[in-house]
């Protein structure tokens, strides 16, 4: 299966404005210095990379506050899509 955690971390790191772009699954999304527009662009990037649709209210529906939780939400969306 696709290494979703690392790919999610890559997408997030590409949008970060800091010199240190190290992203770990345990990192809080709030602690990475991302602005709201960055988060929206990350969602679009993930949709394109994994060919999925992230619901508009995904943060409340999936309750992701860490990189790892976001990766698990993406994995769920991939699994749902492949089961259709």
PDB file of N, CA and C in Angstrom:
ATOM      1  N   UNK A   1       0.842  -1.191   0.000  1.00  0.00           N
ATOM      2  CA  UNK A   1       0.000   0.000   0.000  1.00  0.00           C
ATOM      3  C   UNK A   1       0.884   1.251   0.000  1.00  0.00           C
ATOM      4  N   UNK A   2       0.322   2.315  -0.442  1.00  0.00           N
ATOM      5  CA  UNK A   2       1.006   3.603  -0.505  1.00  0.00           C
ATOM      6  C   UNK A   2       1.411   4.037   0.905  1.00  0.00           C
ATOM      7  N   UNK A   3       2.604   4.607   1.047  1.00  0.00           N
ATOM      8  CA  UNK A   3       3.048   5.108   2.339  1.00  0.00           C
ATOM      9  C   UNK A   3       2.411   6.477   2.580  1.00  0.00           C
ATOM     10  N   UNK A   4       1.205   6.454   3.060  1.00  0.00           N
ATOM     11  CA  UNK A   4       0.398   7.663   3.210  1.00  0.00           C
ATOM     12  C   UNK A   4       1.011   8.635   4.204  1.00  0.00           C
ATOM     13  N   UNK A   5       1.511   8.145   5.311  1.00  0.00           N
ATOM     14  CA  UNK A   5       2.047   9.037   6.348  1.00  0.00           C
ATOM     15  C   UNK A   5       3.189   9.884   5.787  1.00  0.00           C
ATOM     16  N   UNK A   6       4.129   9.247   5.109  1.00  0.00           N
ATOM     17  CA  UNK A   6       5.256  10.007   4.557  1.00  0.00           C
ATOM     18  C   UNK A   6       4.815  10.972   3.471  1.00  0.00           C
ATOM     19  N   UNK A   7       3.865  10.565   2.640  1.00  0.00           N
ATOM     20  CA  UNK A   7       3.399  11.452   1.580  1.00  0.00           C
ATOM     21  C   UNK A   7       2.625  12.638   2.144  1.00  0.00           C
ATOM     22  N   UNK A   8       1.836  12.419   3.182  1.00  0.00           N
ATOM     23  CA  UNK A   8       1.134  13.523   3.842  1.00  0.00           C
ATOM     24  C   UNK A   8       2.156  14.478   4.447  1.00  0.00           C
ATOM     25  N   UNK A   9       3.183  13.931   5.082  1.00  0.00           N
ATOM     26  CA  UNK A   9       4.239  14.767   5.668  1.00  0.00           C
ATOM     27  C   UNK A   9       4.953  15.578   4.586  1.00  0.00           C
ATOM     28  N   UNK A  10       5.201  14.973   3.421  1.00  0.00           N
ATOM     29  CA  UNK A  10       5.836  15.694   2.305  1.00  0.00           C
ATOM     30  C   UNK A  10       4.983  16.871   1.845  1.00  0.00           C
ATOM     31  N   UNK A  11       3.685  16.640   1.704  1.00  0.00           N
ATOM     32  CA  UNK A  11       2.771  17.698   1.262  1.00  0.00           C
ATOM     33  C   UNK A  11       2.772  18.841   2.269  1.00  0.00           C
ATOM     34  N   UNK A  12       2.713  18.507   3.544  1.00  0.00           N
ATOM     35  CA  UNK A  12       2.713  19.539   4.585  1.00  0.00           C
ATOM     36  C   UNK A  12       4.034  20.300   4.589  1.00  0.00           C
ATOM     37  N   UNK A  13       5.146  19.587   4.527  1.00  0.00           N
ATOM     38  CA  UNK A  13       6.468  20.223   4.561  1.00  0.00           C
ATOM     39  C   UNK A  13       6.645  21.190   3.395  1.00  0.00           C
ATOM     40  N   UNK A  14       6.088  20.855   2.250  1.00  0.00           N
ATOM     41  CA  UNK A  14       6.213  21.722   1.073  1.00  0.00           C
ATOM     42  C   UNK A  14       5.513  23.062   1.281  1.00  0.00           C
ATOM     43  N   UNK A  15       4.530  23.121   2.153  1.00  0.00           N
ATOM     44  CA  UNK A  15       3.788  24.361   2.406  1.00  0.00           C
ATOM     45  C   UNK A  15       4.318  25.148   3.600  1.00  0.00           C
ATOM     46  N   UNK A  16       5.244  24.587   4.345  1.00  0.00           N
ATOM     47  CA  UNK A  16       5.758  25.260   5.531  1.00  0.00           C
ATOM     48  C   UNK A  16       6.693  26.398   5.148  1.00  0.00           C
ATOM     49  N   UNK A  17       6.680  27.441   5.951  1.00  0.00           N
ATOM     50  CA  UNK A  17       7.498  28.626   5.684  1.00  0.00           C
ATOM     51  C   UNK A  17       8.758  28.685   6.557  1.00  0.00           C
ATOM     52  N   UNK A  18       9.077  27.600   7.217  1.00  0.00           N
ATOM     53  CA  UNK A  18      10.228  27.573   8.103  1.00  0.00           C
ATOM     54  C   UNK A  18      11.411  26.890   7.424  1.00  0.00           C
ATOM     55  N   UNK A  19      12.598  27.132   7.961  1.00  0.00           N
ATOM     56  CA  UNK A  19      13.805  26.496   7.435  1.00  0.00           C
ATOM     57  C   UNK A  19      13.773  25.007   7.750  1.00  0.00           C
ATOM     58  N   UNK A  20      13.408  24.657   8.981  1.00  0.00           N
ATOM     59  CA  UNK A  20      13.309  23.254   9.382  1.00  0.00           C
ATOM     60  C   UNK A  20      11.953  22.724   8.940  1.00  0.00           C
ATOM     61  N   UNK A  21      11.966  21.898   7.940  1.00  0.00           N
ATOM     62  CA  UNK A  21      10.717  21.349   7.414  1.00  0.00           C
ATOM     63  C   UNK A  21      10.531  19.892   7.826  1.00  0.00           C
ATOM     64  N   UNK A  22      10.994  19.551   9.001  1.00  0.00           N
ATOM     65  CA  UNK A  22      10.811  18.204   9.526  1.00  0.00           C
ATOM     66  C   UNK A  22       9.383  18.074  10.031  1.00  0.00           C
ATOM     67  N   UNK A  23       8.707  17.051   9.542  1.00  0.00           N
ATOM     68  CA  UNK A  23       7.320  16.823   9.939  1.00  0.00           C
ATOM     69  C   UNK A  23       7.204  15.386  10.445  1.00  0.00           C
ATOM     70  N   UNK A  24       6.712  15.242  11.682  1.00  0.00           N
ATOM     71  CA  UNK A  24       6.538  13.929  12.293  1.00  0.00           C
ATOM     72  C   UNK A  24       5.048  13.648  12.497  1.00  0.00           C
ATOM     73  N   UNK A  25       4.659  12.382  12.494  1.00  0.00           N
ATOM     74  CA  UNK A  25       3.242  12.047  12.690  1.00  0.00           C
ATOM     75  C   UNK A  25       2.654  12.621  13.980  1.00  0.00           C
ATOM     76  N   UNK A  26       3.476  12.781  14.998  1.00  0.00           N
ATOM     77  CA  UNK A  26       2.978  13.283  16.287  1.00  0.00           C
ATOM     78  C   UNK A  26       2.849  14.802  16.323  1.00  0.00           C
ATOM     79  N   UNK A  27       3.350  15.489  15.298  1.00  0.00           N
ATOM     80  CA  UNK A  27       3.296  16.956  15.283  1.00  0.00           C
ATOM     81  C   UNK A  27       1.857  17.452  15.177  1.00  0.00           C
ATOM     82  N   UNK A  28       1.564  18.427  16.001  1.00  0.00           N
ATOM     83  CA  UNK A  28       0.274  19.106  15.924  1.00  0.00           C
ATOM     84  C   UNK A  28       0.268  19.987  14.680  1.00  0.00           C
ATOM     85  N   UNK A  29      -0.827  19.999  13.949  1.00  0.00           N
ATOM     86  CA  UNK A  29      -0.922  20.852  12.766  1.00  0.00           C
ATOM     87  C   UNK A  29      -0.781  22.318  13.153  1.00  0.00           C
ATOM     88  N   UNK A  30      -1.285  22.689  14.319  1.00  0.00           N
ATOM     89  CA  UNK A  30      -1.175  24.072  14.790  1.00  0.00           C
ATOM     90  C   UNK A  30       0.268  24.484  15.061  1.00  0.00           C
ATOM     91  N   UNK A  31       1.098  23.530  15.450  1.00  0.00           N
ATOM     92  CA  UNK A  31       2.476  23.853  15.826  1.00  0.00           C
ATOM     93  C   UNK A  31       3.409  24.017  14.627  1.00  0.00           C
ATOM     94  N   UNK A  32       2.932  23.736  13.432  1.00  0.00           N
ATOM     95  CA  UNK A  32       3.800  23.763  12.252  1.00  0.00           C
ATOM     96  C   UNK A  32       3.861  25.120  11.570  1.00  0.00           C
ATOM     97  N   UNK A  33       3.183  26.107  12.131  1.00  0.00           N
ATOM     98  CA  UNK A  33       3.250  27.462  11.584  1.00  0.00           C
ATOM     99  C   UNK A  33       2.493  27.648  10.278  1.00  0.00           C
ATOM    100  N   UNK A  34       1.482  26.837  10.057  1.00  0.00           N
ATOM    101  CA  UNK A  34       0.695  26.925   8.834  1.00  0.00           C
ATOM    102  C   UNK A  34      -0.434  27.933   8.994  1.00  0.00           C
ATOM    103  N   UNK A  35      -0.686  28.685   7.955  1.00  0.00           N
ATOM    104  CA  UNK A  35      -1.809  29.612   7.947  1.00  0.00           C
ATOM    105  C   UNK A  35      -3.027  28.900   7.362  1.00  0.00           C
ATOM    106  N   UNK A  36      -4.198  29.491   7.524  1.00  0.00           N
ATOM    107  CA  UNK A  36      -5.423  28.838   7.060  1.00  0.00           C
ATOM    108  C   UNK A  36      -5.394  28.575   5.557  1.00  0.00           C
ATOM    109  N   UNK A  37      -4.810  29.477   4.783  1.00  0.00           N
ATOM    110  CA  UNK A  37      -4.697  29.252   3.346  1.00  0.00           C
ATOM    111  C   UNK A  37      -3.779  28.063   3.056  1.00  0.00           C
ATOM    112  N   UNK A  38      -2.728  27.905   3.849  1.00  0.00           N
ATOM    113  CA  UNK A  38      -1.834  26.757   3.691  1.00  0.00           C
ATOM    114  C   UNK A  38      -2.590  25.451   3.901  1.00  0.00           C
ATOM    115  N   UNK A  39      -3.424  25.424   4.924  1.00  0.00           N
ATOM    116  CA  UNK A  39      -4.190  24.218   5.234  1.00  0.00           C
ATOM    117  C   UNK A  39      -5.145  23.888   4.090  1.00  0.00           C
ATOM    118  N   UNK A  40      -5.776  24.901   3.527  1.00  0.00           N
ATOM    119  CA  UNK A  40      -6.664  24.686   2.387  1.00  0.00           C
ATOM    120  C   UNK A  40      -5.883  24.132   1.198  1.00  0.00           C
ATOM    121  N   UNK A  41      -4.715  24.700   0.937  1.00  0.00           N
ATOM    122  CA  UNK A  41      -3.889  24.222  -0.175  1.00  0.00           C
ATOM    123  C   UNK A  41      -3.371  22.811   0.084  1.00  0.00           C
ATOM    124  N   UNK A  42      -3.086  22.482   1.324  1.00  0.00           N
ATOM    125  CA  UNK A  42      -2.679  21.121   1.675  1.00  0.00           C
ATOM    126  C   UNK A  42      -3.810  20.152   1.349  1.00  0.00           C
ATOM    127  N   UNK A  43      -5.044  20.538   1.687  1.00  0.00           N
ATOM    128  CA  UNK A  43      -6.200  19.680   1.382  1.00  0.00           C
ATOM    129  C   UNK A  43      -6.306  19.449  -0.118  1.00  0.00           C
ATOM    130  N   UNK A  44      -6.151  20.505  -0.912  1.00  0.00           N
ATOM    131  CA  UNK A  44      -6.210  20.356  -2.373  1.00  0.00           C
ATOM    132  C   UNK A  44      -5.077  19.456  -2.867  1.00  0.00           C
ATOM    133  N   UNK A  45      -3.877  19.656  -2.324  1.00  0.00           N
ATOM    134  CA  UNK A  45      -2.729  18.837  -2.728  1.00  0.00           C
ATOM    135  C   UNK A  45      -2.961  17.360  -2.417  1.00  0.00           C
ATOM    136  N   UNK A  46      -3.521  17.091  -1.235  1.00  0.00           N
ATOM    137  CA  UNK A  46      -3.795  15.701  -0.856  1.00  0.00           C
ATOM    138  C   UNK A  46      -4.861  15.090  -1.750  1.00  0.00           C
ATOM    139  N   UNK A  47      -5.883  15.867  -2.086  1.00  0.00           N
ATOM    140  CA  UNK A  47      -6.922  15.367  -2.992  1.00  0.00           C
ATOM    141  C   UNK A  47      -6.318  14.967  -4.330  1.00  0.00           C
ATOM    142  N   UNK A  48      -5.454  15.802  -4.858  1.00  0.00           N
ATOM    143  CA  UNK A  48      -4.823  15.500  -6.141  1.00  0.00           C
ATOM    144  C   UNK A  48      -3.881  14.308  -6.034  1.00  0.00           C
ATOM    145  N   UNK A  49      -3.062  14.292  -5.018  1.00  0.00           N
ATOM    146  CA  UNK A  49      -2.067  13.226  -4.893  1.00  0.00           C
ATOM    147  C   UNK A  49      -2.714  11.860  -4.745  1.00  0.00           C
ATOM    148  N   UNK A  50      -3.793  11.779  -3.968  1.00  0.00           N
ATOM    149  CA  UNK A  50      -4.407  10.485  -3.677  1.00  0.00           C
ATOM    150  C   UNK A  50      -5.705  10.236  -4.446  1.00  0.00           C
ATOM    151  N   UNK A  51      -6.102  11.196  -5.278  1.00  0.00           N
ATOM    152  CA  UNK A  51      -7.331  11.077  -6.062  1.00  0.00           C
ATOM    153  C   UNK A  51      -8.534  10.794  -5.150  1.00  0.00           C
ATOM    154  N   UNK A  52      -8.673  11.642  -4.142  1.00  0.00           N
ATOM    155  CA  UNK A  52      -9.770  11.530  -3.177  1.00  0.00           C
ATOM    156  C   UNK A  52     -10.473  12.870  -3.073  1.00  0.00           C
ATOM    157  N   UNK A  53     -11.604  12.886  -2.388  1.00  0.00           N
ATOM    158  CA  UNK A  53     -12.303  14.134  -2.090  1.00  0.00           C
ATOM    159  C   UNK A  53     -12.390  14.276  -0.578  1.00  0.00           C
ATOM    160  N   UNK A  54     -11.803  15.341  -0.072  1.00  0.00           N
ATOM    161  CA  UNK A  54     -11.863  15.617   1.357  1.00  0.00           C
ATOM    162  C   UNK A  54     -13.092  16.486   1.601  1.00  0.00           C
ATOM    163  N   UNK A  55     -14.006  16.033   2.452  1.00  0.00           N
ATOM    164  CA  UNK A  55     -15.216  16.816   2.713  1.00  0.00           C
ATOM    165  C   UNK A  55     -14.886  18.200   3.259  1.00  0.00           C
ATOM    166  N   UNK A  56     -15.714  19.167   2.942  1.00  0.00           N
ATOM    167  CA  UNK A  56     -15.502  20.549   3.373  1.00  0.00           C
ATOM    168  C   UNK A  56     -15.345  20.644   4.886  1.00  0.00           C
ATOM    169  N   UNK A  57     -16.134  19.879   5.610  1.00  0.00           N
ATOM    170  CA  UNK A  57     -16.089  19.902   7.076  1.00  0.00           C
ATOM    171  C   UNK A  57     -15.201  18.780   7.613  1.00  0.00           C
ATOM    172  N   UNK A  58     -14.156  18.426   6.871  1.00  0.00           N
ATOM    173  CA  UNK A  58     -13.330  17.271   7.220  1.00  0.00           C
ATOM    174  C   UNK A  58     -12.714  17.379   8.604  1.00  0.00           C
ATOM    175  N   UNK A  59     -12.306  18.565   9.017  1.00  0.00           N
ATOM    176  CA  UNK A  59     -11.657  18.677  10.314  1.00  0.00           C
ATOM    177  C   UNK A  59     -12.606  18.296  11.451  1.00  0.00           C
ATOM    178  N   UNK A  60     -13.884  18.603  11.305  1.00  0.00           N
ATOM    179  CA  UNK A  60     -14.820  18.189  12.346  1.00  0.00           C
ATOM    180  C   UNK A  60     -15.265  16.751  12.133  1.00  0.00           C
ATOM    181  N   UNK A  61     -15.369  16.315  10.889  1.00  0.00           N
ATOM    182  CA  UNK A  61     -15.809  14.953  10.607  1.00  0.00           C
ATOM    183  C   UNK A  61     -14.731  13.933  10.972  1.00  0.00           C
ATOM    184  N   UNK A  62     -13.476  14.280  10.743  1.00  0.00           N
ATOM    185  CA  UNK A  62     -12.395  13.336  10.983  1.00  0.00           C
ATOM    186  C   UNK A  62     -11.589  13.657  12.233  1.00  0.00           C
ATOM    187  N   UNK A  63     -11.765  14.831  12.779  1.00  0.00           N
ATOM    188  CA  UNK A  63     -11.089  15.243  14.000  1.00  0.00           C
ATOM    189  C   UNK A  63      -9.589  15.016  13.937  1.00  0.00           C
ATOM    190  N   UNK A  64      -8.940  15.600  12.939  1.00  0.00           N
ATOM    191  CA  UNK A  64      -7.493  15.459  12.876  1.00  0.00           C
ATOM    192  C   UNK A  64      -6.827  16.724  13.397  1.00  0.00           C
ATOM    193  N   UNK A  65      -5.959  16.528  14.359  1.00  0.00           N
ATOM    194  CA  UNK A  65      -5.215  17.653  14.909  1.00  0.00           C
ATOM    195  C   UNK A  65      -3.713  17.417  14.816  1.00  0.00           C
ATOM    196  N   UNK A  66      -3.322  16.217  14.403  1.00  0.00           N
ATOM    197  CA  UNK A  66      -1.907  15.904  14.204  1.00  0.00           C
ATOM    198  C   UNK A  66      -1.690  15.412  12.776  1.00  0.00           C
ATOM    199  N   UNK A  67      -0.441  15.380  12.381  1.00  0.00           N
ATOM    200  CA  UNK A  67      -0.089  14.872  11.053  1.00  0.00           C
ATOM    201  C   UNK A  67      -0.531  13.420  10.929  1.00  0.00           C
ATOM    202  N   UNK A  68      -0.301  12.627  11.958  1.00  0.00           N
ATOM    203  CA  UNK A  68      -0.697  11.217  11.940  1.00  0.00           C
ATOM    204  C   UNK A  68      -2.195  11.040  11.814  1.00  0.00           C
ATOM    205  N   UNK A  69      -2.967  11.862  12.510  1.00  0.00           N
ATOM    206  CA  UNK A  69      -4.430  11.773  12.418  1.00  0.00           C
ATOM    207  C   UNK A  69      -4.904  12.161  11.026  1.00  0.00           C
ATOM    208  N   UNK A  70      -4.274  13.153  10.418  1.00  0.00           N
ATOM    209  CA  UNK A  70      -4.612  13.536   9.052  1.00  0.00           C
ATOM    210  C   UNK A  70      -4.298  12.390   8.099  1.00  0.00           C
ATOM    211  N   UNK A  71      -3.145  11.749   8.283  1.00  0.00           N
ATOM    212  CA  UNK A  71      -2.772  10.619   7.430  1.00  0.00           C
ATOM    213  C   UNK A  71      -3.780   9.481   7.565  1.00  0.00           C
ATOM    214  N   UNK A  72      -4.242   9.207   8.791  1.00  0.00           N
ATOM    215  CA  UNK A  72      -5.255   8.153   8.986  1.00  0.00           C
ATOM    216  C   UNK A  72      -6.569   8.523   8.301  1.00  0.00           C
ATOM    217  N   UNK A  73      -6.937   9.802   8.329  1.00  0.00           N
ATOM    218  CA  UNK A  73      -8.155  10.248   7.643  1.00  0.00           C
ATOM    219  C   UNK A  73      -8.012  10.051   6.139  1.00  0.00           C
ATOM    220  N   UNK A  74      -6.840  10.370   5.600  1.00  0.00           N
ATOM    221  CA  UNK A  74      -6.596  10.158   4.169  1.00  0.00           C
ATOM    222  C   UNK A  74      -6.658   8.667   3.846  1.00  0.00           C
ATOM    223  N   UNK A  75      -6.063   7.832   4.694  1.00  0.00           N
ATOM    224  CA  UNK A  75      -6.119   6.382   4.485  1.00  0.00           C
ATOM    225  C   UNK A  75      -7.558   5.888   4.458  1.00  0.00           C
ATOM    226  N   UNK A  76      -8.390   6.433   5.354  1.00  0.00           N
ATOM    227  CA  UNK A  76      -9.807   6.052   5.380  1.00  0.00           C
ATOM    228  C   UNK A  76     -10.511   6.440   4.087  1.00  0.00           C
ATOM    229  N   UNK A  77     -10.231   7.641   3.593  1.00  0.00           N
ATOM    230  CA  UNK A  77     -10.853   8.094   2.350  1.00  0.00           C
ATOM    231  C   UNK A  77     -10.395   7.244   1.160  1.00  0.00           C
ATOM    232  N   UNK A  78      -9.128   6.855   1.155  1.00  0.00           N
ATOM    233  CA  UNK A  78      -8.621   5.985   0.096  1.00  0.00           C
ATOM    234  C   UNK A  78      -9.334   4.633   0.161  1.00  0.00           C
ATOM    235  N   UNK A  79      -9.463   4.081   1.360  1.00  0.00           N
ATOM    236  CA  UNK A  79     -10.124   2.779   1.540  1.00  0.00           C
ATOM    237  C   UNK A  79     -11.584   2.841   1.129  1.00  0.00           C
ATOM    238  N   UNK A  80     -12.272   3.931   1.509  1.00  0.00           N
ATOM    239  CA  UNK A  80     -13.684   4.088   1.133  1.00  0.00           C
ATOM    240  C   UNK A  80     -13.835   4.141  -0.376  1.00  0.00           C
ATOM    241  N   UNK A  81     -12.946   4.870  -1.019  1.00  0.00           N
ATOM    242  CA  UNK A  81     -13.027   5.015  -2.473  1.00  0.00           C
ATOM    243  C   UNK A  81     -12.775   3.673  -3.158  1.00  0.00           C
ATOM    244  N   UNK A  82     -11.815   2.909  -2.668  1.00  0.00           N
ATOM    245  CA  UNK A  82     -11.499   1.642  -3.313  1.00  0.00           C
ATOM    246  C   UNK A  82     -12.554   0.578  -3.064  1.00  0.00           C
ATOM    247  N   UNK A  83     -13.383   0.759  -2.033  1.00  0.00           N
ATOM    248  CA  UNK A  83     -14.426  -0.227  -1.749  1.00  0.00           C
ATOM    249  C   UNK A  83     -15.716   0.030  -2.524  1.00  0.00           C
ATOM    250  N   UNK A  84     -15.771   1.126  -3.253  1.00  0.00           N
ATOM    251  CA  UNK A  84     -16.988   1.440  -4.032  1.00  0.00           C
ATOM    252  C   UNK A  84     -17.039   0.680  -5.309  1.00  0.00           C
TER     253      UNK A  84
END
